Amino acid sequence: MKQLVFILAFLASSAAFAQWNNPIDAFCSGEYRAIGTVGLGVGELQINDEQDFAGYASLGVTPDAGVWQVELRYTNFDDGWASVDQWGIGAKVDFTVSCDVQCLYWMVGWNYGDFDVDTVDKHGVLYSDVNAETEDNYWNAGVGYRYNWTRDFDTSIEYNYNDVDARVRYFDGEVTRRFDLGHLRTLTVNFSYRF
């Protein structure tokens, strides 16, 4: 009899858990919403110390309360000497659980970056024909400030630090040099819409 009660309790709890954990039902009932974001701003790759355009687009999921967000993100940075195409997965979490209109939040993520380096400015020496490509996986962390204009639309400002550890090699005819690209920092103004 104990075994029968155990089996019935297990099946009942499994069915309840499966219903509670169904993401399609959660979206249909409005518990979770998709969120699209476009960000424009400035970035800086440490090796060249040049600030130029950085932009990103992301698609994520957030609960209707908006306390956290998980997103897939594409970022592009190009300073004329080096360019980065970066794909990543990240999370944003509010510092408080009660920010209806404005809120501070922190971000973490993991990225894959594809780097194309044409020129390197290192210690005042210009290496103009590096023409190297490299790739790297790395983490990022940052902070942001969000202002909710409506229930569906918000704007935000984000600072993101990407811990790039990639290196490129350059042969100048005599010596092979290795350049550490250093970190990538971005500051963007973002526009988000919840569907």
N, C-alpha and C. Protein backbone atom coordinates (compact mmCIF):
# COMPACT_ATOMS: atom_id res chain seq x y z
N MET A 1 0.81 -1.19 0.00
CA MET A 1 0.00 0.00 0.00
C MET A 1 0.86 1.26 0.00
N LYS A 2 2.00 1.24 0.75
CA LYS A 2 2.89 2.39 0.78
C LYS A 2 3.44 2.68 -0.61
N GLN A 3 3.76 1.59 -1.33
CA GLN A 3 4.32 1.79 -2.67
C GLN A 3 3.30 2.42 -3.61
N LEU A 4 2.04 2.01 -3.52
CA LEU A 4 0.99 2.57 -4.36
C LEU A 4 0.78 4.05 -4.04
N VAL A 5 0.76 4.41 -2.76
CA VAL A 5 0.61 5.81 -2.37
C VAL A 5 1.80 6.63 -2.87
N PHE A 6 3.01 6.06 -2.74
CA PHE A 6 4.20 6.76 -3.23
C PHE A 6 4.13 6.99 -4.73
N ILE A 7 3.75 5.99 -5.50
CA ILE A 7 3.66 6.12 -6.96
C ILE A 7 2.61 7.15 -7.35
N LEU A 8 1.44 7.11 -6.71
CA LEU A 8 0.39 8.09 -7.01
C LEU A 8 0.84 9.51 -6.65
N ALA A 9 1.52 9.67 -5.52
CA ALA A 9 2.01 11.00 -5.12
C ALA A 9 3.07 11.50 -6.09
N PHE A 10 3.95 10.60 -6.52
CA PHE A 10 4.98 10.96 -7.48
C PHE A 10 4.37 11.39 -8.82
N LEU A 11 3.42 10.63 -9.32
CA LEU A 11 2.78 10.98 -10.59
C LEU A 11 2.01 12.29 -10.48
N ALA A 12 1.32 12.51 -9.39
CA ALA A 12 0.58 13.76 -9.21
C ALA A 12 1.52 14.95 -9.13
N SER A 13 2.63 14.80 -8.41
CA SER A 13 3.56 15.93 -8.31
C SER A 13 4.28 16.16 -9.64
N SER A 14 4.58 15.11 -10.39
CA SER A 14 5.22 15.26 -11.69
C SER A 14 4.31 15.99 -12.66
N ALA A 15 3.03 15.63 -12.66
CA ALA A 15 2.08 16.30 -13.56
C ALA A 15 1.93 17.77 -13.18
N ALA A 16 1.87 18.06 -11.88
CA ALA A 16 1.76 19.45 -11.45
C ALA A 16 3.02 20.23 -11.81
N PHE A 17 4.19 19.62 -11.63
CA PHE A 17 5.44 20.29 -11.97
C PHE A 17 5.53 20.54 -13.47
N ALA A 18 5.14 19.56 -14.30
CA ALA A 18 5.18 19.73 -15.75
C ALA A 18 4.27 20.87 -16.18
N GLN A 19 3.10 20.99 -15.56
CA GLN A 19 2.18 22.08 -15.91
C GLN A 19 2.75 23.42 -15.47
N TRP A 20 3.31 23.47 -14.29
CA TRP A 20 3.86 24.72 -13.76
C TRP A 20 5.06 25.18 -14.57
N ASN A 21 5.85 24.25 -15.08
CA ASN A 21 7.09 24.58 -15.75
C ASN A 21 6.94 24.69 -17.27
N ASN A 22 5.75 24.75 -17.80
CA ASN A 22 5.53 24.82 -19.24
C ASN A 22 5.74 26.26 -19.72
N PRO A 23 6.81 26.53 -20.49
CA PRO A 23 7.09 27.91 -20.90
C PRO A 23 6.05 28.48 -21.87
N ILE A 24 5.41 27.64 -22.68
CA ILE A 24 4.39 28.12 -23.62
C ILE A 24 3.20 28.67 -22.84
N ASP A 25 2.75 27.93 -21.83
CA ASP A 25 1.65 28.42 -20.99
C ASP A 25 2.02 29.72 -20.28
N ALA A 26 3.28 29.81 -19.84
CA ALA A 26 3.72 31.02 -19.14
C ALA A 26 3.69 32.23 -20.06
N PHE A 27 4.10 32.05 -21.32
CA PHE A 27 4.04 33.16 -22.28
C PHE A 27 2.59 33.51 -22.59
N CYS A 28 1.75 32.50 -22.79
CA CYS A 28 0.34 32.74 -23.13
C CYS A 28 -0.41 33.43 -22.00
N SER A 29 -0.07 33.09 -20.78
CA SER A 29 -0.77 33.70 -19.65
C SER A 29 -0.16 35.05 -19.26
N GLY A 30 0.94 35.44 -19.90
CA GLY A 30 1.55 36.75 -19.62
C GLY A 30 2.54 36.77 -18.49
N GLU A 31 2.93 35.60 -17.97
CA GLU A 31 3.93 35.58 -16.90
C GLU A 31 5.30 36.03 -17.41
N TYR A 32 5.65 35.63 -18.64
CA TYR A 32 6.92 35.98 -19.25
C TYR A 32 6.66 36.72 -20.55
N ARG A 33 7.60 37.60 -20.89
CA ARG A 33 7.48 38.37 -22.12
C ARG A 33 8.81 38.37 -22.86
N ALA A 34 8.75 38.40 -24.18
CA ALA A 34 9.96 38.56 -24.99
C ALA A 34 10.33 40.04 -24.99
N ILE A 35 11.62 40.33 -25.01
CA ILE A 35 12.07 41.72 -25.01
C ILE A 35 13.17 41.89 -26.05
N GLY A 36 12.99 42.86 -26.93
CA GLY A 36 13.99 43.18 -27.94
C GLY A 36 14.67 44.50 -27.60
N THR A 37 15.98 44.56 -27.79
CA THR A 37 16.75 45.75 -27.42
C THR A 37 17.73 46.11 -28.53
N VAL A 38 17.86 47.41 -28.79
CA VAL A 38 18.88 47.95 -29.69
C VAL A 38 19.66 48.99 -28.90
N GLY A 39 20.99 48.91 -28.96
CA GLY A 39 21.83 49.86 -28.23
C GLY A 39 22.87 50.49 -29.14
N LEU A 40 23.09 51.78 -28.97
CA LEU A 40 24.08 52.52 -29.74
C LEU A 40 24.97 53.30 -28.78
N GLY A 41 26.27 53.34 -29.09
CA GLY A 41 27.16 54.07 -28.20
C GLY A 41 28.59 54.04 -28.66
N VAL A 42 29.48 53.98 -27.67
CA VAL A 42 30.91 54.06 -27.93
C VAL A 42 31.60 52.88 -27.26
N GLY A 43 32.69 52.42 -27.88
CA GLY A 43 33.48 51.33 -27.32
C GLY A 43 34.95 51.64 -27.42
N GLU A 44 35.74 50.87 -26.67
CA GLU A 44 37.19 51.05 -26.70
C GLU A 44 37.87 49.71 -26.47
N LEU A 45 38.71 49.31 -27.45
CA LEU A 45 39.54 48.11 -27.31
C LEU A 45 40.87 48.56 -26.74
N GLN A 46 41.30 47.95 -25.65
CA GLN A 46 42.44 48.45 -24.88
C GLN A 46 43.72 48.61 -25.69
N ILE A 47 44.00 47.73 -26.63
CA ILE A 47 45.29 47.78 -27.31
C ILE A 47 45.49 49.08 -28.08
N ASN A 48 44.45 49.60 -28.72
CA ASN A 48 44.60 50.82 -29.51
C ASN A 48 44.17 52.07 -28.77
N ASP A 49 43.43 51.91 -27.67
CA ASP A 49 42.99 53.05 -26.88
C ASP A 49 42.26 54.09 -27.74
N GLU A 50 41.48 53.60 -28.70
CA GLU A 50 40.71 54.46 -29.60
C GLU A 50 39.22 54.25 -29.35
N GLN A 51 38.49 55.31 -29.09
CA GLN A 51 37.05 55.19 -28.90
C GLN A 51 36.33 55.40 -30.22
N ASP A 52 35.36 54.53 -30.48
CA ASP A 52 34.58 54.65 -31.71
C ASP A 52 33.25 53.94 -31.52
N PHE A 53 32.51 53.79 -32.60
CA PHE A 53 31.15 53.25 -32.55
C PHE A 53 31.10 51.83 -31.99
N ALA A 54 30.11 51.60 -31.14
CA ALA A 54 29.76 50.26 -30.66
C ALA A 54 28.24 50.18 -30.64
N GLY A 55 27.71 49.08 -31.09
CA GLY A 55 26.28 48.90 -31.08
C GLY A 55 25.93 47.45 -30.81
N TYR A 56 24.71 47.23 -30.33
CA TYR A 56 24.29 45.85 -30.10
C TYR A 56 22.80 45.69 -30.31
N ALA A 57 22.41 44.46 -30.54
CA ALA A 57 21.00 44.07 -30.63
C ALA A 57 20.84 42.78 -29.83
N SER A 58 19.72 42.66 -29.12
CA SER A 58 19.51 41.45 -28.33
C SER A 58 18.04 41.07 -28.33
N LEU A 59 17.83 39.80 -28.07
CA LEU A 59 16.48 39.26 -27.90
C LEU A 59 16.51 38.45 -26.62
N GLY A 60 15.57 38.74 -25.71
CA GLY A 60 15.61 38.08 -24.42
C GLY A 60 14.23 37.72 -23.89
N VAL A 61 14.24 37.19 -22.69
CA VAL A 61 13.03 36.79 -21.98
C VAL A 61 13.08 37.43 -20.61
N THR A 62 11.94 37.98 -20.17
CA THR A 62 11.85 38.60 -18.86
C THR A 62 10.49 38.29 -18.25
N PRO A 63 10.42 38.12 -16.94
CA PRO A 63 9.10 37.96 -16.34
C PRO A 63 8.33 39.28 -16.42
N ASP A 64 7.03 39.20 -16.32
CA ASP A 64 6.21 40.41 -16.43
C ASP A 64 6.59 41.43 -15.37
N ALA A 65 7.06 40.98 -14.23
CA ALA A 65 7.50 41.90 -13.17
C ALA A 65 8.81 42.59 -13.56
N GLY A 66 9.60 41.97 -14.43
CA GLY A 66 10.81 42.59 -14.94
C GLY A 66 11.99 42.62 -14.00
N VAL A 67 12.06 41.71 -13.04
CA VAL A 67 13.15 41.71 -12.07
C VAL A 67 14.46 41.20 -12.68
N TRP A 68 14.39 40.31 -13.63
CA TRP A 68 15.57 39.77 -14.30
C TRP A 68 15.29 39.59 -15.78
N GLN A 69 16.36 39.38 -16.54
CA GLN A 69 16.25 39.19 -17.98
C GLN A 69 17.39 38.29 -18.44
N VAL A 70 17.10 37.35 -19.32
CA VAL A 70 18.11 36.53 -19.97
C VAL A 70 18.05 36.87 -21.45
N GLU A 71 19.24 37.07 -22.07
CA GLU A 71 19.23 37.53 -23.46
C GLU A 71 20.34 36.89 -24.28
N LEU A 72 20.08 36.80 -25.58
CA LEU A 72 21.09 36.49 -26.58
C LEU A 72 21.45 37.82 -27.23
N ARG A 73 22.75 38.11 -27.34
CA ARG A 73 23.17 39.45 -27.76
C ARG A 73 24.23 39.38 -28.86
N TYR A 74 24.12 40.29 -29.83
CA TYR A 74 25.16 40.50 -30.83
C TYR A 74 25.68 41.92 -30.66
N THR A 75 27.01 42.07 -30.56
CA THR A 75 27.64 43.38 -30.41
C THR A 75 28.67 43.57 -31.51
N ASN A 76 28.75 44.80 -32.04
CA ASN A 76 29.75 45.14 -33.04
C ASN A 76 30.51 46.37 -32.58
N PHE A 77 31.83 46.31 -32.73
CA PHE A 77 32.70 47.45 -32.43
C PHE A 77 33.72 47.56 -33.54
N ASP A 78 33.98 48.80 -33.99
CA ASP A 78 34.96 49.04 -35.05
C ASP A 78 35.58 50.41 -34.82
N ASP A 79 36.91 50.43 -34.57
CA ASP A 79 37.59 51.71 -34.36
C ASP A 79 38.42 52.14 -35.58
N GLY A 80 38.24 51.42 -36.70
CA GLY A 80 39.01 51.74 -37.90
C GLY A 80 40.31 50.95 -37.98
N TRP A 81 40.83 50.54 -36.83
CA TRP A 81 42.06 49.76 -36.79
C TRP A 81 41.79 48.30 -36.41
N ALA A 82 40.75 48.11 -35.63
CA ALA A 82 40.36 46.76 -35.20
C ALA A 82 38.84 46.70 -35.15
N SER A 83 38.29 45.54 -35.49
CA SER A 83 36.85 45.36 -35.40
C SER A 83 36.54 44.07 -34.66
N VAL A 84 35.37 44.06 -34.01
CA VAL A 84 34.95 42.91 -33.21
C VAL A 84 33.50 42.59 -33.54
N ASP A 85 33.24 41.32 -33.85
CA ASP A 85 31.88 40.79 -33.90
C ASP A 85 31.76 39.86 -32.71
N GLN A 86 30.82 40.16 -31.83
CA GLN A 86 30.70 39.43 -30.56
C GLN A 86 29.29 38.90 -30.40
N TRP A 87 29.18 37.60 -30.09
CA TRP A 87 27.90 36.96 -29.79
C TRP A 87 27.97 36.46 -28.37
N GLY A 88 26.88 36.62 -27.62
CA GLY A 88 26.92 36.20 -26.23
C GLY A 88 25.56 35.89 -25.65
N ILE A 89 25.60 35.28 -24.48
CA ILE A 89 24.41 35.05 -23.68
C ILE A 89 24.65 35.71 -22.34
N GLY A 90 23.64 36.41 -21.84
CA GLY A 90 23.84 37.15 -20.61
C GLY A 90 22.57 37.26 -19.78
N ALA A 91 22.75 37.80 -18.59
CA ALA A 91 21.64 38.01 -17.66
C ALA A 91 21.75 39.40 -17.08
N LYS A 92 20.58 40.01 -16.87
CA LYS A 92 20.48 41.29 -16.18
C LYS A 92 19.59 41.08 -14.97
N VAL A 93 20.02 41.58 -13.81
CA VAL A 93 19.26 41.41 -12.58
C VAL A 93 19.17 42.76 -11.88
N ASP A 94 17.94 43.17 -11.53
CA ASP A 94 17.72 44.44 -10.84
C ASP A 94 18.32 44.38 -9.44
N PHE A 95 18.81 45.52 -8.96
CA PHE A 95 19.32 45.60 -7.60
C PHE A 95 18.20 45.47 -6.57
N THR A 96 16.99 45.90 -6.92
CA THR A 96 15.85 45.79 -6.01
C THR A 96 14.71 45.08 -6.74
N VAL A 97 13.71 44.64 -5.99
CA VAL A 97 12.56 43.97 -6.61
C VAL A 97 11.39 44.91 -6.78
N SER A 98 11.55 46.17 -6.46
CA SER A 98 10.43 47.11 -6.54
C SER A 98 10.82 48.39 -7.28
N CYS A 99 11.21 48.26 -8.53
CA CYS A 99 11.51 49.46 -9.31
C CYS A 99 10.50 49.55 -10.45
N ASP A 100 9.45 50.30 -10.22
CA ASP A 100 8.39 50.41 -11.21
C ASP A 100 8.77 51.31 -12.38
N VAL A 101 9.40 52.45 -12.12
CA VAL A 101 9.70 53.40 -13.17
C VAL A 101 11.18 53.41 -13.52
N GLN A 102 12.04 53.52 -12.53
CA GLN A 102 13.48 53.54 -12.80
C GLN A 102 14.20 52.55 -11.90
N CYS A 103 15.31 52.04 -12.43
CA CYS A 103 15.98 50.95 -11.71
C CYS A 103 17.45 50.87 -12.10
N LEU A 104 18.28 50.45 -11.15
CA LEU A 104 19.66 50.08 -11.42
C LEU A 104 19.73 48.56 -11.52
N TYR A 105 20.58 48.06 -12.41
CA TYR A 105 20.73 46.61 -12.55
C TYR A 105 22.17 46.28 -12.88
N TRP A 106 22.53 45.03 -12.65
CA TRP A 106 23.87 44.55 -13.01
C TRP A 106 23.74 43.47 -14.07
N MET A 107 24.82 43.25 -14.81
CA MET A 107 24.81 42.32 -15.93
C MET A 107 26.03 41.41 -15.86
N VAL A 108 25.84 40.17 -16.28
CA VAL A 108 26.94 39.22 -16.46
C VAL A 108 26.65 38.42 -17.72
N GLY A 109 27.70 37.88 -18.32
CA GLY A 109 27.48 37.08 -19.52
C GLY A 109 28.74 36.36 -19.96
N TRP A 110 28.56 35.54 -20.99
CA TRP A 110 29.65 34.80 -21.61
C TRP A 110 29.57 35.04 -23.10
N ASN A 111 30.72 35.33 -23.74
CA ASN A 111 30.74 35.77 -25.13
C ASN A 111 31.75 35.01 -25.97
N TYR A 112 31.49 35.04 -27.26
CA TYR A 112 32.45 34.60 -28.26
C TYR A 112 32.73 35.82 -29.14
N GLY A 113 34.00 36.17 -29.32
CA GLY A 113 34.36 37.32 -30.14
C GLY A 113 35.24 36.93 -31.30
N ASP A 114 34.96 37.53 -32.46
CA ASP A 114 35.75 37.34 -33.67
C ASP A 114 36.43 38.68 -33.97
N PHE A 115 37.76 38.73 -33.86
CA PHE A 115 38.52 39.97 -33.95
C PHE A 115 39.28 40.03 -35.27
N ASP A 116 39.24 41.20 -35.92
CA ASP A 116 39.99 41.46 -37.14
C ASP A 116 40.83 42.71 -36.89
N VAL A 117 42.15 42.53 -36.81
CA VAL A 117 43.06 43.62 -36.44
C VAL A 117 43.90 44.00 -37.65
N ASP A 118 43.83 45.28 -38.05
CA ASP A 118 44.63 45.79 -39.16
C ASP A 118 45.84 46.58 -38.68
N THR A 119 45.64 47.41 -37.65
CA THR A 119 46.68 48.30 -37.17
C THR A 119 46.73 48.24 -35.65
N VAL A 120 47.95 48.31 -35.10
CA VAL A 120 48.15 48.33 -33.65
C VAL A 120 49.02 49.53 -33.30
N ASP A 121 48.58 50.29 -32.29
CA ASP A 121 49.36 51.41 -31.77
C ASP A 121 49.82 51.01 -30.38
N LYS A 122 51.11 50.62 -30.27
CA LYS A 122 51.63 50.09 -29.00
C LYS A 122 52.83 50.92 -28.56
N HIS A 123 52.73 51.57 -27.41
CA HIS A 123 53.80 52.38 -26.83
C HIS A 123 54.32 53.42 -27.82
N GLY A 124 53.41 54.05 -28.55
CA GLY A 124 53.79 55.11 -29.49
C GLY A 124 54.31 54.61 -30.83
N VAL A 125 54.40 53.28 -31.01
CA VAL A 125 54.85 52.72 -32.29
C VAL A 125 53.63 52.21 -33.04
N LEU A 126 53.52 52.60 -34.31
CA LEU A 126 52.37 52.23 -35.13
C LEU A 126 52.73 51.04 -36.02
N TYR A 127 52.06 49.90 -35.80
CA TYR A 127 52.23 48.72 -36.65
C TYR A 127 51.02 48.69 -37.58
N SER A 128 51.20 49.16 -38.81
CA SER A 128 50.06 49.42 -39.68
C SER A 128 49.66 48.26 -40.58
N ASP A 129 50.44 47.21 -40.65
CA ASP A 129 50.08 46.10 -41.53
C ASP A 129 50.04 44.77 -40.78
N VAL A 130 49.36 44.78 -39.65
CA VAL A 130 49.25 43.56 -38.85
C VAL A 130 48.39 42.53 -39.57
N ASN A 131 47.21 42.93 -40.04
CA ASN A 131 46.30 42.07 -40.80
C ASN A 131 46.16 40.68 -40.19
N ALA A 132 45.71 40.62 -38.96
CA ALA A 132 45.56 39.35 -38.25
C ALA A 132 44.13 39.18 -37.79
N GLU A 133 43.70 37.93 -37.71
CA GLU A 133 42.39 37.60 -37.17
C GLU A 133 42.57 36.62 -36.03
N THR A 134 41.71 36.75 -35.03
CA THR A 134 41.75 35.84 -33.89
C THR A 134 40.35 35.76 -33.30
N GLU A 135 40.16 34.82 -32.41
CA GLU A 135 38.87 34.65 -31.74
C GLU A 135 39.12 34.30 -30.28
N ASP A 136 38.08 34.51 -29.47
CA ASP A 136 38.25 34.27 -28.04
C ASP A 136 36.88 34.08 -27.40
N ASN A 137 36.84 33.36 -26.29
CA ASN A 137 35.66 33.25 -25.42
C ASN A 137 36.01 33.98 -24.13
N TYR A 138 35.08 34.76 -23.60
CA TYR A 138 35.39 35.55 -22.42
C TYR A 138 34.11 35.98 -21.72
N TRP A 139 34.25 36.41 -20.46
CA TRP A 139 33.11 36.86 -19.67
C TRP A 139 32.98 38.37 -19.77
N ASN A 140 31.79 38.85 -19.43
CA ASN A 140 31.58 40.28 -19.32
C ASN A 140 30.77 40.58 -18.05
N ALA A 141 30.91 41.80 -17.58
CA ALA A 141 30.14 42.27 -16.43
C ALA A 141 29.88 43.75 -16.62
N GLY A 142 28.78 44.23 -16.07
CA GLY A 142 28.47 45.64 -16.23
C GLY A 142 27.32 46.07 -15.34
N VAL A 143 27.00 47.35 -15.46
CA VAL A 143 25.88 47.94 -14.73
C VAL A 143 25.05 48.77 -15.69
N GLY A 144 23.79 48.97 -15.32
CA GLY A 144 22.91 49.76 -16.16
C GLY A 144 21.88 50.51 -15.34
N TYR A 145 21.31 51.52 -15.98
CA TYR A 145 20.22 52.30 -15.39
C TYR A 145 19.07 52.30 -16.39
N ARG A 146 17.89 51.88 -15.96
CA ARG A 146 16.73 51.75 -16.85
C ARG A 146 15.62 52.70 -16.41
N TYR A 147 14.95 53.32 -17.40
CA TYR A 147 13.78 54.14 -17.14
C TYR A 147 12.62 53.59 -17.95
N ASN A 148 11.55 53.17 -17.30
CA ASN A 148 10.37 52.62 -17.97
C ASN A 148 9.41 53.75 -18.33
N TRP A 149 9.29 54.03 -19.62
CA TRP A 149 8.37 55.06 -20.08
C TRP A 149 6.93 54.55 -20.05
N THR A 150 6.74 53.32 -20.49
CA THR A 150 5.43 52.66 -20.43
C THR A 150 5.67 51.24 -19.95
N ARG A 151 4.61 50.46 -19.89
CA ARG A 151 4.74 49.05 -19.48
C ARG A 151 5.55 48.25 -20.50
N ASP A 152 5.55 48.71 -21.77
CA ASP A 152 6.21 47.96 -22.84
C ASP A 152 7.53 48.56 -23.30
N PHE A 153 7.76 49.85 -23.10
CA PHE A 153 8.93 50.53 -23.67
C PHE A 153 9.79 51.13 -22.58
N ASP A 154 11.12 50.93 -22.69
CA ASP A 154 12.04 51.57 -21.76
C ASP A 154 13.32 51.97 -22.47
N THR A 155 14.04 52.89 -21.87
CA THR A 155 15.37 53.26 -22.34
C THR A 155 16.34 53.00 -21.19
N SER A 156 17.60 52.77 -21.55
CA SER A 156 18.60 52.48 -20.52
C SER A 156 19.97 52.94 -20.97
N ILE A 157 20.86 53.06 -20.01
CA ILE A 157 22.27 53.35 -20.25
C ILE A 157 23.05 52.21 -19.60
N GLU A 158 23.97 51.60 -20.37
CA GLU A 158 24.74 50.45 -19.86
C GLU A 158 26.23 50.65 -20.06
N TYR A 159 26.99 50.27 -19.04
CA TYR A 159 28.45 50.17 -19.14
C TYR A 159 28.79 48.68 -19.05
N ASN A 160 29.57 48.19 -20.01
CA ASN A 160 29.92 46.77 -20.06
C ASN A 160 31.43 46.60 -20.18
N TYR A 161 31.99 45.74 -19.35
CA TYR A 161 33.41 45.39 -19.39
C TYR A 161 33.53 43.97 -19.90
N ASN A 162 34.25 43.78 -21.02
CA ASN A 162 34.46 42.45 -21.62
C ASN A 162 35.92 42.07 -21.41
N ASP A 163 36.15 40.97 -20.74
CA ASP A 163 37.50 40.55 -20.36
C ASP A 163 38.16 39.73 -21.48
N VAL A 164 38.50 40.41 -22.56
CA VAL A 164 39.11 39.76 -23.72
C VAL A 164 40.54 39.34 -23.37
N ASP A 165 40.91 38.13 -23.76
CA ASP A 165 42.27 37.63 -23.51
C ASP A 165 42.93 37.21 -24.82
N ALA A 166 42.42 37.69 -25.95
CA ALA A 166 42.94 37.27 -27.25
C ALA A 166 44.26 37.96 -27.56
N ARG A 167 45.07 37.28 -28.38
CA ARG A 167 46.35 37.83 -28.83
C ARG A 167 46.47 37.64 -30.34
N VAL A 168 47.19 38.56 -30.98
CA VAL A 168 47.48 38.42 -32.41
C VAL A 168 48.99 38.42 -32.58
N ARG A 169 49.42 37.73 -33.62
CA ARG A 169 50.86 37.67 -33.94
C ARG A 169 51.14 38.54 -35.16
N TYR A 170 52.33 39.15 -35.14
CA TYR A 170 52.74 40.03 -36.23
C TYR A 170 54.22 39.81 -36.49
N PHE A 171 54.57 39.55 -37.76
CA PHE A 171 55.97 39.36 -38.14
C PHE A 171 56.40 40.58 -38.94
N ASP A 172 57.36 41.35 -38.42
CA ASP A 172 57.78 42.60 -39.07
C ASP A 172 58.99 42.42 -39.98
N GLY A 173 59.31 41.20 -40.33
CA GLY A 173 60.46 40.93 -41.19
C GLY A 173 61.66 40.45 -40.40
N GLU A 174 61.72 40.78 -39.12
CA GLU A 174 62.83 40.38 -38.28
C GLU A 174 62.37 39.59 -37.05
N VAL A 175 61.31 40.06 -36.43
CA VAL A 175 60.86 39.50 -35.15
C VAL A 175 59.35 39.24 -35.22
N THR A 176 58.95 38.14 -34.61
CA THR A 176 57.52 37.90 -34.45
C THR A 176 57.07 38.53 -33.14
N ARG A 177 56.10 39.42 -33.23
CA ARG A 177 55.58 40.09 -32.05
C ARG A 177 54.19 39.55 -31.72
N ARG A 178 53.90 39.50 -30.43
CA ARG A 178 52.55 39.11 -29.98
C ARG A 178 51.92 40.30 -29.29
N PHE A 179 50.72 40.63 -29.70
CA PHE A 179 49.99 41.74 -29.09
C PHE A 179 48.77 41.20 -28.35
N ASP A 180 48.66 41.57 -27.08
CA ASP A 180 47.50 41.23 -26.27
C ASP A 180 46.45 42.31 -26.52
N LEU A 181 45.26 41.93 -27.00
CA LEU A 181 44.25 42.92 -27.35
C LEU A 181 43.68 43.64 -26.13
N GLY A 182 43.73 43.02 -24.96
CA GLY A 182 43.21 43.67 -23.75
C GLY A 182 41.70 43.64 -23.70
N HIS A 183 41.13 44.37 -22.76
CA HIS A 183 39.68 44.34 -22.57
C HIS A 183 38.96 45.25 -23.58
N LEU A 184 37.68 44.98 -23.75
CA LEU A 184 36.80 45.81 -24.57
C LEU A 184 35.75 46.40 -23.64
N ARG A 185 35.64 47.74 -23.64
CA ARG A 185 34.64 48.42 -22.81
C ARG A 185 33.65 49.12 -23.72
N THR A 186 32.37 49.08 -23.36
CA THR A 186 31.34 49.76 -24.13
C THR A 186 30.43 50.56 -23.20
N LEU A 187 29.94 51.68 -23.73
CA LEU A 187 28.94 52.51 -23.06
C LEU A 187 27.86 52.79 -24.09
N THR A 188 26.63 52.31 -23.85
CA THR A 188 25.58 52.43 -24.84
C THR A 188 24.29 53.00 -24.24
N VAL A 189 23.52 53.64 -25.11
CA VAL A 189 22.15 54.05 -24.80
C VAL A 189 21.25 53.08 -25.53
N ASN A 190 20.28 52.49 -24.82
CA ASN A 190 19.50 51.38 -25.36
C ASN A 190 18.01 51.68 -25.38
N PHE A 191 17.33 51.06 -26.33
CA PHE A 191 15.88 51.18 -26.47
C PHE A 191 15.31 49.77 -26.49
N SER A 192 14.40 49.48 -25.56
CA SER A 192 13.85 48.13 -25.42
C SER A 192 12.34 48.15 -25.54
N TYR A 193 11.83 47.07 -26.14
CA TYR A 193 10.38 46.91 -26.26
C TYR A 193 10.01 45.50 -25.85
N ARG A 194 8.99 45.38 -24.99
CA ARG A 194 8.52 44.08 -24.53
C ARG A 194 7.31 43.65 -25.36
N PHE A 195 7.34 42.43 -25.84
CA PHE A 195 6.24 41.90 -26.68
C PHE A 195 5.31 41.02 -25.86
